[in-house]
Amino acid sequence: MEVHLAPGQPARLTDVDDLRRFSVIMAGSQEGLASLAEALHGIVAFEGSEHAWVSVDWLVETSGRSGSAEWRDQFAAMVAYARSKGWMRTDPEAIRGHVVRQAG
């Protein structure tokens, strides 16, 4: 699962059926991080420049798979694994992803 972020664009979710990995792909420069964080408030919160917390509710809603019991079970397993590694937070519930930078 990948969350794609770019200045001036809505957050986009790809590879929704690959629940064995989770990354945040960010286009743009480090200087644009603050404005990107402000634009994506409630969806993504950055932890420095290397990690981002992504709303679990947003992931489920955006996946297009929330009606699939099989997908929801696999997603719950991904969340449980992330929780066991300390990659989850509550209030609001979010999963931590590594930020991968791309030119753009």
PDB file of N, CA and C in Angstrom:
ATOM      1  N   MET A   1       0.856  -1.168   0.000  1.00  0.00           N
ATOM      2  CA  MET A   1       0.000   0.000   0.000  1.00  0.00           C
ATOM      3  C   MET A   1       0.902   1.230   0.000  1.00  0.00           C
ATOM      4  N   GLU A   2       0.549   2.173  -0.871  1.00  0.00           N
ATOM      5  CA  GLU A   2       1.319   3.409  -0.959  1.00  0.00           C
ATOM      6  C   GLU A   2       0.386   4.614  -0.920  1.00  0.00           C
ATOM      7  N   VAL A   3       0.797   5.599  -0.146  1.00  0.00           N
ATOM      8  CA  VAL A   3       0.102   6.887  -0.101  1.00  0.00           C
ATOM      9  C   VAL A   3       0.975   7.863  -0.876  1.00  0.00           C
ATOM     10  N   HIS A   4       0.412   8.461  -1.920  1.00  0.00           N
ATOM     11  CA  HIS A   4       1.165   9.399  -2.749  1.00  0.00           C
ATOM     12  C   HIS A   4       0.747  10.825  -2.417  1.00  0.00           C
ATOM     13  N   LEU A   5       1.739  11.659  -2.148  1.00  0.00           N
ATOM     14  CA  LEU A   5       1.504  13.049  -1.781  1.00  0.00           C
ATOM     15  C   LEU A   5       2.273  13.957  -2.722  1.00  0.00           C
ATOM     16  N   ALA A   6       1.636  15.038  -3.139  1.00  0.00           N
ATOM     17  CA  ALA A   6       2.288  16.032  -3.988  1.00  0.00           C
ATOM     18  C   ALA A   6       1.645  17.389  -3.710  1.00  0.00           C
ATOM     19  N   PRO A   7       2.443  18.450  -3.697  1.00  0.00           N
ATOM     20  CA  PRO A   7       1.887  19.781  -3.454  1.00  0.00           C
ATOM     21  C   PRO A   7       0.776  20.113  -4.449  1.00  0.00           C
ATOM     22  N   GLY A   8      -0.313  20.673  -3.936  1.00  0.00           N
ATOM     23  CA  GLY A   8      -1.413  21.097  -4.777  1.00  0.00           C
ATOM     24  C   GLY A   8      -2.309  19.984  -5.284  1.00  0.00           C
ATOM     25  N   GLN A   9      -2.104  18.761  -4.805  1.00  0.00           N
ATOM     26  CA  GLN A   9      -2.915  17.634  -5.250  1.00  0.00           C
ATOM     27  C   GLN A   9      -3.474  16.895  -4.036  1.00  0.00           C
ATOM     28  N   PRO A  10      -4.637  16.261  -4.205  1.00  0.00           N
ATOM     29  CA  PRO A  10      -5.160  15.465  -3.087  1.00  0.00           C
ATOM     30  C   PRO A  10      -4.294  14.228  -2.868  1.00  0.00           C
ATOM     31  N   ALA A  11      -4.283  13.741  -1.657  1.00  0.00           N
ATOM     32  CA  ALA A  11      -3.564  12.492  -1.354  1.00  0.00           C
ATOM     33  C   ALA A  11      -4.200  11.375  -2.173  1.00  0.00           C
ATOM     34  N   ARG A  12      -3.370  10.439  -2.602  1.00  0.00           N
ATOM     35  CA  ARG A  12      -3.814   9.342  -3.460  1.00  0.00           C
ATOM     36  C   ARG A  12      -3.310   8.031  -2.879  1.00  0.00           C
ATOM     37  N   LEU A  13      -4.119   6.995  -2.927  1.00  0.00           N
ATOM     38  CA  LEU A  13      -3.775   5.682  -2.388  1.00  0.00           C
ATOM     39  C   LEU A  13      -3.660   4.686  -3.533  1.00  0.00           C
ATOM     40  N   THR A  14      -2.545   3.950  -3.584  1.00  0.00           N
ATOM     41  CA  THR A  14      -2.348   2.933  -4.618  1.00  0.00           C
ATOM     42  C   THR A  14      -1.940   1.615  -3.962  1.00  0.00           C
ATOM     43  N   ASP A  15      -1.945   0.562  -4.754  1.00  0.00           N
ATOM     44  CA  ASP A  15      -1.554  -0.777  -4.287  1.00  0.00           C
ATOM     45  C   ASP A  15      -2.327  -1.187  -3.034  1.00  0.00           C
ATOM     46  N   VAL A  16      -3.637  -0.955  -3.075  1.00  0.00           N
ATOM     47  CA  VAL A  16      -4.464  -1.187  -1.882  1.00  0.00           C
ATOM     48  C   VAL A  16      -4.561  -2.653  -1.489  1.00  0.00           C
ATOM     49  N   ASP A  17      -4.209  -3.555  -2.396  1.00  0.00           N
ATOM     50  CA  ASP A  17      -4.262  -4.977  -2.061  1.00  0.00           C
ATOM     51  C   ASP A  17      -2.932  -5.523  -1.569  1.00  0.00           C
ATOM     52  N   ASP A  18      -1.891  -4.692  -1.587  1.00  0.00           N
ATOM     53  CA  ASP A  18      -0.580  -5.095  -1.064  1.00  0.00           C
ATOM     54  C   ASP A  18      -0.494  -4.617   0.386  1.00  0.00           C
ATOM     55  N   LEU A  19      -0.963  -5.462   1.276  1.00  0.00           N
ATOM     56  CA  LEU A  19      -1.026  -5.091   2.694  1.00  0.00           C
ATOM     57  C   LEU A  19       0.168  -5.619   3.480  1.00  0.00           C
ATOM     58  N   ARG A  20       1.234  -5.955   2.780  1.00  0.00           N
ATOM     59  CA  ARG A  20       2.458  -6.415   3.443  1.00  0.00           C
ATOM     60  C   ARG A  20       3.515  -5.310   3.493  1.00  0.00           C
ATOM     61  N   ARG A  21       3.202  -4.168   2.896  1.00  0.00           N
ATOM     62  CA  ARG A  21       4.118  -3.034   2.963  1.00  0.00           C
ATOM     63  C   ARG A  21       3.307  -1.754   2.989  1.00  0.00           C
ATOM     64  N   PHE A  22       3.912  -0.702   3.504  1.00  0.00           N
ATOM     65  CA  PHE A  22       3.226   0.576   3.626  1.00  0.00           C
ATOM     66  C   PHE A  22       4.251   1.686   3.508  1.00  0.00           C
ATOM     67  N   SER A  23       4.072   2.554   2.524  1.00  0.00           N
ATOM     68  CA  SER A  23       5.000   3.668   2.306  1.00  0.00           C
ATOM     69  C   SER A  23       4.230   4.932   1.980  1.00  0.00           C
ATOM     70  N   VAL A  24       4.875   6.047   2.260  1.00  0.00           N
ATOM     71  CA  VAL A  24       4.349   7.352   1.889  1.00  0.00           C
ATOM     72  C   VAL A  24       5.315   7.915   0.845  1.00  0.00           C
ATOM     73  N   ILE A  25       4.830   8.078  -0.388  1.00  0.00           N
ATOM     74  CA  ILE A  25       5.642   8.563  -1.493  1.00  0.00           C
ATOM     75  C   ILE A  25       5.366  10.049  -1.642  1.00  0.00           C
ATOM     76  N   MET A  26       6.399  10.859  -1.488  1.00  0.00           N
ATOM     77  CA  MET A  26       6.214  12.312  -1.484  1.00  0.00           C
ATOM     78  C   MET A  26       6.974  12.960  -2.625  1.00  0.00           C
ATOM     79  N   ALA A  27       6.245  13.682  -3.457  1.00  0.00           N
ATOM     80  CA  ALA A  27       6.861  14.481  -4.511  1.00  0.00           C
ATOM     81  C   ALA A  27       7.072  15.893  -3.970  1.00  0.00           C
ATOM     82  N   GLY A  28       8.093  16.533  -4.437  1.00  0.00           N
ATOM     83  CA  GLY A  28       8.352  17.899  -4.000  1.00  0.00           C
ATOM     84  C   GLY A  28       9.546  17.974  -3.070  1.00  0.00           C
ATOM     85  N   SER A  29       9.815  19.174  -2.634  1.00  0.00           N
ATOM     86  CA  SER A  29      11.011  19.431  -1.832  1.00  0.00           C
ATOM     87  C   SER A  29      10.710  19.428  -0.343  1.00  0.00           C
ATOM     88  N   GLN A  30      11.756  19.332   0.421  1.00  0.00           N
ATOM     89  CA  GLN A  30      11.664  19.396   1.882  1.00  0.00           C
ATOM     90  C   GLN A  30      11.057  20.727   2.326  1.00  0.00           C
ATOM     91  N   GLU A  31      11.334  21.781   1.579  1.00  0.00           N
ATOM     92  CA  GLU A  31      10.833  23.111   1.932  1.00  0.00           C
ATOM     93  C   GLU A  31       9.304  23.186   1.878  1.00  0.00           C
ATOM     94  N   GLY A  32       8.684  22.333   1.057  1.00  0.00           N
ATOM     95  CA  GLY A  32       7.240  22.352   0.927  1.00  0.00           C
ATOM     96  C   GLY A  32       6.504  21.487   1.934  1.00  0.00           C
ATOM     97  N   LEU A  33       7.240  20.886   2.855  1.00  0.00           N
ATOM     98  CA  LEU A  33       6.647  19.954   3.812  1.00  0.00           C
ATOM     99  C   LEU A  33       5.591  20.613   4.695  1.00  0.00           C
ATOM    100  N   ALA A  34       5.862  21.814   5.189  1.00  0.00           N
ATOM    101  CA  ALA A  34       4.915  22.480   6.093  1.00  0.00           C
ATOM    102  C   ALA A  34       3.598  22.782   5.388  1.00  0.00           C
ATOM    103  N   SER A  35       3.648  23.296   4.167  1.00  0.00           N
ATOM    104  CA  SER A  35       2.403  23.611   3.465  1.00  0.00           C
ATOM    105  C   SER A  35       1.656  22.331   3.077  1.00  0.00           C
ATOM    106  N   LEU A  36       2.392  21.281   2.745  1.00  0.00           N
ATOM    107  CA  LEU A  36       1.766  19.999   2.431  1.00  0.00           C
ATOM    108  C   LEU A  36       1.072  19.441   3.671  1.00  0.00           C
ATOM    109  N   ALA A  37       1.728  19.524   4.808  1.00  0.00           N
ATOM    110  CA  ALA A  37       1.139  19.038   6.065  1.00  0.00           C
ATOM    111  C   ALA A  37      -0.134  19.809   6.398  1.00  0.00           C
ATOM    112  N   GLU A  38      -0.126  21.103   6.162  1.00  0.00           N
ATOM    113  CA  GLU A  38      -1.308  21.917   6.440  1.00  0.00           C
ATOM    114  C   GLU A  38      -2.458  21.532   5.503  1.00  0.00           C
ATOM    115  N   ALA A  39      -2.150  21.326   4.230  1.00  0.00           N
ATOM    116  CA  ALA A  39      -3.177  20.968   3.249  1.00  0.00           C
ATOM    117  C   ALA A  39      -3.772  19.587   3.517  1.00  0.00           C
ATOM    118  N   LEU A  40      -2.998  18.696   4.107  1.00  0.00           N
ATOM    119  CA  LEU A  40      -3.439  17.316   4.331  1.00  0.00           C
ATOM    120  C   LEU A  40      -3.829  17.051   5.787  1.00  0.00           C
ATOM    121  N   HIS A  41      -4.041  18.114   6.553  1.00  0.00           N
ATOM    122  CA  HIS A  41      -4.412  17.975   7.961  1.00  0.00           C
ATOM    123  C   HIS A  41      -5.616  17.035   8.088  1.00  0.00           C
ATOM    124  N   GLY A  42      -5.516  16.084   9.003  1.00  0.00           N
ATOM    125  CA  GLY A  42      -6.576  15.107   9.215  1.00  0.00           C
ATOM    126  C   GLY A  42      -6.363  13.825   8.427  1.00  0.00           C
ATOM    127  N   ILE A  43      -5.480  13.889   7.435  1.00  0.00           N
ATOM    128  CA  ILE A  43      -5.149  12.700   6.640  1.00  0.00           C
ATOM    129  C   ILE A  43      -3.743  12.233   6.957  1.00  0.00           C
ATOM    130  N   VAL A  44      -2.802  13.173   6.923  1.00  0.00           N
ATOM    131  CA  VAL A  44      -1.390  12.861   7.132  1.00  0.00           C
ATOM    132  C   VAL A  44      -0.789  13.875   8.098  1.00  0.00           C
ATOM    133  N   ALA A  45       0.018  13.391   9.032  1.00  0.00           N
ATOM    134  CA  ALA A  45       0.791  14.246   9.932  1.00  0.00           C
ATOM    135  C   ALA A  45       2.243  13.785   9.856  1.00  0.00           C
ATOM    136  N   PHE A  46       3.134  14.698   9.535  1.00  0.00           N
ATOM    137  CA  PHE A  46       4.537  14.333   9.396  1.00  0.00           C
ATOM    138  C   PHE A  46       5.239  14.286  10.742  1.00  0.00           C
ATOM    139  N   GLU A  47       6.139  13.340  10.858  1.00  0.00           N
ATOM    140  CA  GLU A  47       7.017  13.215  12.029  1.00  0.00           C
ATOM    141  C   GLU A  47       8.424  13.441  11.493  1.00  0.00           C
ATOM    142  N   GLY A  48       8.873  14.687  11.555  1.00  0.00           N
ATOM    143  CA  GLY A  48      10.137  15.028  10.923  1.00  0.00           C
ATOM    144  C   GLY A  48       9.975  14.909   9.411  1.00  0.00           C
ATOM    145  N   SER A  49      11.051  14.600   8.729  1.00  0.00           N
ATOM    146  CA  SER A  49      10.976  14.476   7.273  1.00  0.00           C
ATOM    147  C   SER A  49      11.048  13.026   6.796  1.00  0.00           C
ATOM    148  N   GLU A  50      11.205  12.089   7.728  1.00  0.00           N
ATOM    149  CA  GLU A  50      11.391  10.686   7.354  1.00  0.00           C
ATOM    150  C   GLU A  50      10.169   9.803   7.550  1.00  0.00           C
ATOM    151  N   HIS A  51       9.213  10.263   8.358  1.00  0.00           N
ATOM    152  CA  HIS A  51       8.038   9.444   8.651  1.00  0.00           C
ATOM    153  C   HIS A  51       6.771  10.287   8.637  1.00  0.00           C
ATOM    154  N   ALA A  52       5.656   9.625   8.367  1.00  0.00           N
ATOM    155  CA  ALA A  52       4.357  10.289   8.379  1.00  0.00           C
ATOM    156  C   ALA A  52       3.323   9.356   8.994  1.00  0.00           C
ATOM    157  N   TRP A  53       2.400   9.932   9.725  1.00  0.00           N
ATOM    158  CA  TRP A  53       1.276   9.200  10.300  1.00  0.00           C
ATOM    159  C   TRP A  53       0.082   9.404   9.388  1.00  0.00           C
ATOM    160  N   VAL A  54      -0.522   8.312   8.929  1.00  0.00           N
ATOM    161  CA  VAL A  54      -1.634   8.371   7.985  1.00  0.00           C
ATOM    162  C   VAL A  54      -2.895   7.841   8.662  1.00  0.00           C
ATOM    163  N   SER A  55      -3.969   8.582   8.529  1.00  0.00           N
ATOM    164  CA  SER A  55      -5.242   8.228   9.142  1.00  0.00           C
ATOM    165  C   SER A  55      -5.722   6.851   8.683  1.00  0.00           C
ATOM    166  N   VAL A  56      -6.014   5.982   9.644  1.00  0.00           N
ATOM    167  CA  VAL A  56      -6.548   4.654   9.337  1.00  0.00           C
ATOM    168  C   VAL A  56      -7.930   4.789   8.701  1.00  0.00           C
ATOM    169  N   ASP A  57      -8.751   5.698   9.208  1.00  0.00           N
ATOM    170  CA  ASP A  57     -10.076   5.899   8.625  1.00  0.00           C
ATOM    171  C   ASP A  57      -9.963   6.303   7.155  1.00  0.00           C
ATOM    172  N   TRP A  58      -9.027   7.209   6.846  1.00  0.00           N
ATOM    173  CA  TRP A  58      -8.833   7.647   5.457  1.00  0.00           C
ATOM    174  C   TRP A  58      -8.401   6.475   4.589  1.00  0.00           C
ATOM    175  N   LEU A  59      -7.493   5.653   5.094  1.00  0.00           N
ATOM    176  CA  LEU A  59      -7.031   4.500   4.317  1.00  0.00           C
ATOM    177  C   LEU A  59      -8.194   3.572   3.962  1.00  0.00           C
ATOM    178  N   VAL A  60      -9.031   3.274   4.941  1.00  0.00           N
ATOM    179  CA  VAL A  60     -10.164   2.375   4.710  1.00  0.00           C
ATOM    180  C   VAL A  60     -11.147   3.010   3.727  1.00  0.00           C
ATOM    181  N   GLU A  61     -11.493   4.272   3.956  1.00  0.00           N
ATOM    182  CA  GLU A  61     -12.459   4.948   3.091  1.00  0.00           C
ATOM    183  C   GLU A  61     -11.952   5.070   1.657  1.00  0.00           C
ATOM    184  N   THR A  62     -10.680   5.362   1.493  1.00  0.00           N
ATOM    185  CA  THR A  62     -10.098   5.619   0.179  1.00  0.00           C
ATOM    186  C   THR A  62      -9.766   4.337  -0.565  1.00  0.00           C
ATOM    187  N   SER A  63      -9.659   3.239   0.148  1.00  0.00           N
ATOM    188  CA  SER A  63      -9.245   1.972  -0.463  1.00  0.00           C
ATOM    189  C   SER A  63     -10.205   1.472  -1.527  1.00  0.00           C
ATOM    190  N   GLY A  64     -11.474   1.787  -1.374  1.00  0.00           N
ATOM    191  CA  GLY A  64     -12.473   1.227  -2.263  1.00  0.00           C
ATOM    192  C   GLY A  64     -12.769  -0.242  -1.971  1.00  0.00           C
ATOM    193  N   ARG A  65     -12.189  -0.746  -0.889  1.00  0.00           N
ATOM    194  CA  ARG A  65     -12.348  -2.159  -0.538  1.00  0.00           C
ATOM    195  C   ARG A  65     -13.066  -2.352   0.805  1.00  0.00           C
ATOM    196  N   SER A  66     -13.572  -1.282   1.366  1.00  0.00           N
ATOM    197  CA  SER A  66     -14.158  -1.388   2.712  1.00  0.00           C
ATOM    198  C   SER A  66     -15.343  -2.348   2.775  1.00  0.00           C
ATOM    199  N   GLY A  67     -15.963  -2.639   1.640  1.00  0.00           N
ATOM    200  CA  GLY A  67     -17.072  -3.577   1.617  1.00  0.00           C
ATOM    201  C   GLY A  67     -16.650  -5.033   1.555  1.00  0.00           C
ATOM    202  N   SER A  68     -15.366  -5.280   1.394  1.00  0.00           N
ATOM    203  CA  SER A  68     -14.850  -6.650   1.303  1.00  0.00           C
ATOM    204  C   SER A  68     -14.404  -7.134   2.677  1.00  0.00           C
ATOM    205  N   ALA A  69     -15.077  -8.149   3.182  1.00  0.00           N
ATOM    206  CA  ALA A  69     -14.704  -8.706   4.489  1.00  0.00           C
ATOM    207  C   ALA A  69     -13.286  -9.258   4.449  1.00  0.00           C
ATOM    208  N   GLU A  70     -12.904  -9.885   3.342  1.00  0.00           N
ATOM    209  CA  GLU A  70     -11.554 -10.433   3.219  1.00  0.00           C
ATOM    210  C   GLU A  70     -10.502  -9.325   3.285  1.00  0.00           C
ATOM    211  N   TRP A  71     -10.740  -8.225   2.563  1.00  0.00           N
ATOM    212  CA  TRP A  71      -9.781  -7.120   2.585  1.00  0.00           C
ATOM    213  C   TRP A  71      -9.706  -6.504   3.984  1.00  0.00           C
ATOM    214  N   ARG A  72     -10.861  -6.307   4.610  1.00  0.00           N
ATOM    215  CA  ARG A  72     -10.873  -5.715   5.959  1.00  0.00           C
ATOM    216  C   ARG A  72     -10.123  -6.610   6.944  1.00  0.00           C
ATOM    217  N   ASP A  73     -10.245  -7.922   6.821  1.00  0.00           N
ATOM    218  CA  ASP A  73      -9.499  -8.833   7.695  1.00  0.00           C
ATOM    219  C   ASP A  73      -7.992  -8.689   7.460  1.00  0.00           C
ATOM    220  N   GLN A  74      -7.600  -8.613   6.201  1.00  0.00           N
ATOM    221  CA  GLN A  74      -6.177  -8.453   5.881  1.00  0.00           C
ATOM    222  C   GLN A  74      -5.661  -7.093   6.346  1.00  0.00           C
ATOM    223  N   PHE A  75      -6.486  -6.066   6.206  1.00  0.00           N
ATOM    224  CA  PHE A  75      -6.104  -4.738   6.681  1.00  0.00           C
ATOM    225  C   PHE A  75      -5.954  -4.749   8.202  1.00  0.00           C
ATOM    226  N   ALA A  76      -6.875  -5.398   8.898  1.00  0.00           N
ATOM    227  CA  ALA A  76      -6.791  -5.510  10.361  1.00  0.00           C
ATOM    228  C   ALA A  76      -5.517  -6.235  10.768  1.00  0.00           C
ATOM    229  N   ALA A  77      -5.102  -7.239  10.005  1.00  0.00           N
ATOM    230  CA  ALA A  77      -3.855  -7.940  10.293  1.00  0.00           C
ATOM    231  C   ALA A  77      -2.657  -7.016  10.092  1.00  0.00           C
ATOM    232  N   MET A  78      -2.705  -6.170   9.048  1.00  0.00           N
ATOM    233  CA  MET A  78      -1.634  -5.199   8.830  1.00  0.00           C
ATOM    234  C   MET A  78      -1.549  -4.211  10.000  1.00  0.00           C
ATOM    235  N   VAL A  79      -2.699  -3.737  10.447  1.00  0.00           N
ATOM    236  CA  VAL A  79      -2.741  -2.809  11.576  1.00  0.00           C
ATOM    237  C   VAL A  79      -2.217  -3.484  12.840  1.00  0.00           C
ATOM    238  N   ALA A  80      -2.590  -4.733  13.075  1.00  0.00           N
ATOM    239  CA  ALA A  80      -2.109  -5.459  14.254  1.00  0.00           C
ATOM    240  C   ALA A  80      -0.591  -5.615  14.206  1.00  0.00           C
ATOM    241  N   TYR A  81      -0.064  -5.915  13.034  1.00  0.00           N
ATOM    242  CA  TYR A  81       1.391  -6.035  12.890  1.00  0.00           C
ATOM    243  C   TYR A  81       2.053  -4.686  13.164  1.00  0.00           C
ATOM    244  N   ALA A  82       1.514  -3.626  12.585  1.00  0.00           N
ATOM    245  CA  ALA A  82       2.076  -2.286  12.819  1.00  0.00           C
ATOM    246  C   ALA A  82       2.016  -1.935  14.305  1.00  0.00           C
ATOM    247  N   ARG A  83       0.925  -2.290  14.949  1.00  0.00           N
ATOM    248  CA  ARG A  83       0.792  -2.009  16.388  1.00  0.00           C
ATOM    249  C   ARG A  83       1.865  -2.757  17.186  1.00  0.00           C
ATOM    250  N   SER A  84       2.148  -3.999  16.798  1.00  0.00           N
ATOM    251  CA  SER A  84       3.160  -4.794  17.517  1.00  0.00           C
ATOM    252  C   SER A  84       4.561  -4.201  17.367  1.00  0.00           C
ATOM    253  N   LYS A  85       4.765  -3.420  16.326  1.00  0.00           N
ATOM    254  CA  LYS A  85       6.066  -2.793  16.071  1.00  0.00           C
ATOM    255  C   LYS A  85       6.136  -1.356  16.589  1.00  0.00           C
ATOM    256  N   GLY A  86       5.025  -0.869  17.147  1.00  0.00           N
ATOM    257  CA  GLY A  86       5.006   0.512  17.640  1.00  0.00           C
ATOM    258  C   GLY A  86       4.744   1.533  16.544  1.00  0.00           C
ATOM    259  N   TRP A  87       4.164   1.089  15.438  1.00  0.00           N
ATOM    260  CA  TRP A  87       3.914   1.970  14.296  1.00  0.00           C
ATOM    261  C   TRP A  87       2.469   2.433  14.219  1.00  0.00           C
ATOM    262  N   MET A  88       1.760   2.370  15.331  1.00  0.00           N
ATOM    263  CA  MET A  88       0.375   2.839  15.396  1.00  0.00           C
ATOM    264  C   MET A  88       0.254   3.870  16.505  1.00  0.00           C
ATOM    265  N   ARG A  89      -0.679   4.780  16.313  1.00  0.00           N
ATOM    266  CA  ARG A  89      -1.040   5.711  17.387  1.00  0.00           C
ATOM    267  C   ARG A  89      -2.545   5.833  17.420  1.00  0.00           C
ATOM    268  N   THR A  90      -3.037   6.348  18.510  1.00  0.00           N
ATOM    269  CA  THR A  90      -4.471   6.508  18.673  1.00  0.00           C
ATOM    270  C   THR A  90      -4.812   7.988  18.783  1.00  0.00           C
ATOM    271  N   ASP A  91      -6.082   8.278  18.630  1.00  0.00           N
ATOM    272  CA  ASP A  91      -6.640   9.614  18.851  1.00  0.00           C
ATOM    273  C   ASP A  91      -6.009  10.705  18.002  1.00  0.00           C
ATOM    274  N   PRO A  92      -6.210  10.685  16.727  1.00  0.00           N
ATOM    275  CA  PRO A  92      -6.931   9.688  15.945  1.00  0.00           C
ATOM    276  C   PRO A  92      -6.022   8.525  15.553  1.00  0.00           C
ATOM    277  N   GLU A  93      -6.638   7.396  15.249  1.00  0.00           N
ATOM    278  CA  GLU A  93      -5.868   6.210  14.896  1.00  0.00           C
ATOM    279  C   GLU A  93      -5.139   6.454  13.576  1.00  0.00           C
ATOM    280  N   ALA A  94      -3.826   6.206  13.585  1.00  0.00           N
ATOM    281  CA  ALA A  94      -2.997   6.423  12.398  1.00  0.00           C
ATOM    282  C   ALA A  94      -1.873   5.406  12.377  1.00  0.00           C
ATOM    283  N   ILE A  95      -1.412   5.105  11.168  1.00  0.00           N
ATOM    284  CA  ILE A  95      -0.308   4.174  10.972  1.00  0.00           C
ATOM    285  C   ILE A  95       0.898   4.955  10.461  1.00  0.00           C
ATOM    286  N   ARG A  96       2.061   4.577  10.943  1.00  0.00           N
ATOM    287  CA  ARG A  96       3.300   5.280  10.599  1.00  0.00           C
ATOM    288  C   ARG A  96       3.924   4.666   9.352  1.00  0.00           C
ATOM    289  N   GLY A  97       4.256   5.518   8.411  1.00  0.00           N
ATOM    290  CA  GLY A  97       4.904   5.067   7.187  1.00  0.00           C
ATOM    291  C   GLY A  97       6.200   5.804   6.955  1.00  0.00           C
ATOM    292  N   HIS A  98       7.124   5.132   6.305  1.00  0.00           N
ATOM    293  CA  HIS A  98       8.384   5.739   5.915  1.00  0.00           C
ATOM    294  C   HIS A  98       8.131   6.629   4.695  1.00  0.00           C
ATOM    295  N   VAL A  99       8.681   7.842   4.708  1.00  0.00           N
ATOM    296  CA  VAL A  99       8.528   8.763   3.583  1.00  0.00           C
ATOM    297  C   VAL A  99       9.624   8.474   2.562  1.00  0.00           C
ATOM    298  N   VAL A 100       9.201   8.212   1.333  1.00  0.00           N
ATOM    299  CA  VAL A 100      10.108   8.019   0.209  1.00  0.00           C
ATOM    300  C   VAL A 100       9.951   9.234  -0.684  1.00  0.00           C
ATOM    301  N   ARG A 101      11.021   9.930  -0.924  1.00  0.00           N
ATOM    302  CA  ARG A 101      10.967  11.153  -1.748  1.00  0.00           C
ATOM    303  C   ARG A 101      11.158  10.851  -3.222  1.00  0.00           C
ATOM    304  N   GLN A 102      10.349  11.556  -4.021  1.00  0.00           N
ATOM    305  CA  GLN A 102      10.490  11.476  -5.466  1.00  0.00           C
ATOM    306  C   GLN A 102      10.600  12.895  -6.000  1.00  0.00           C
ATOM    307  N   ALA A 103      11.365  13.058  -7.046  1.00  0.00           N
ATOM    308  CA  ALA A 103      11.444  14.369  -7.686  1.00  0.00           C
ATOM    309  C   ALA A 103      10.074  14.713  -8.243  1.00  0.00           C
ATOM    310  N   GLY A 104       9.751  15.965  -8.215  1.00  0.00           N
ATOM    311  CA  GLY A 104       8.452  16.331  -8.769  1.00  0.00           C
ATOM    312  C   GLY A 104       8.009  17.592  -8.222  1.00  0.00           C
TER     313      GLY A 104
END
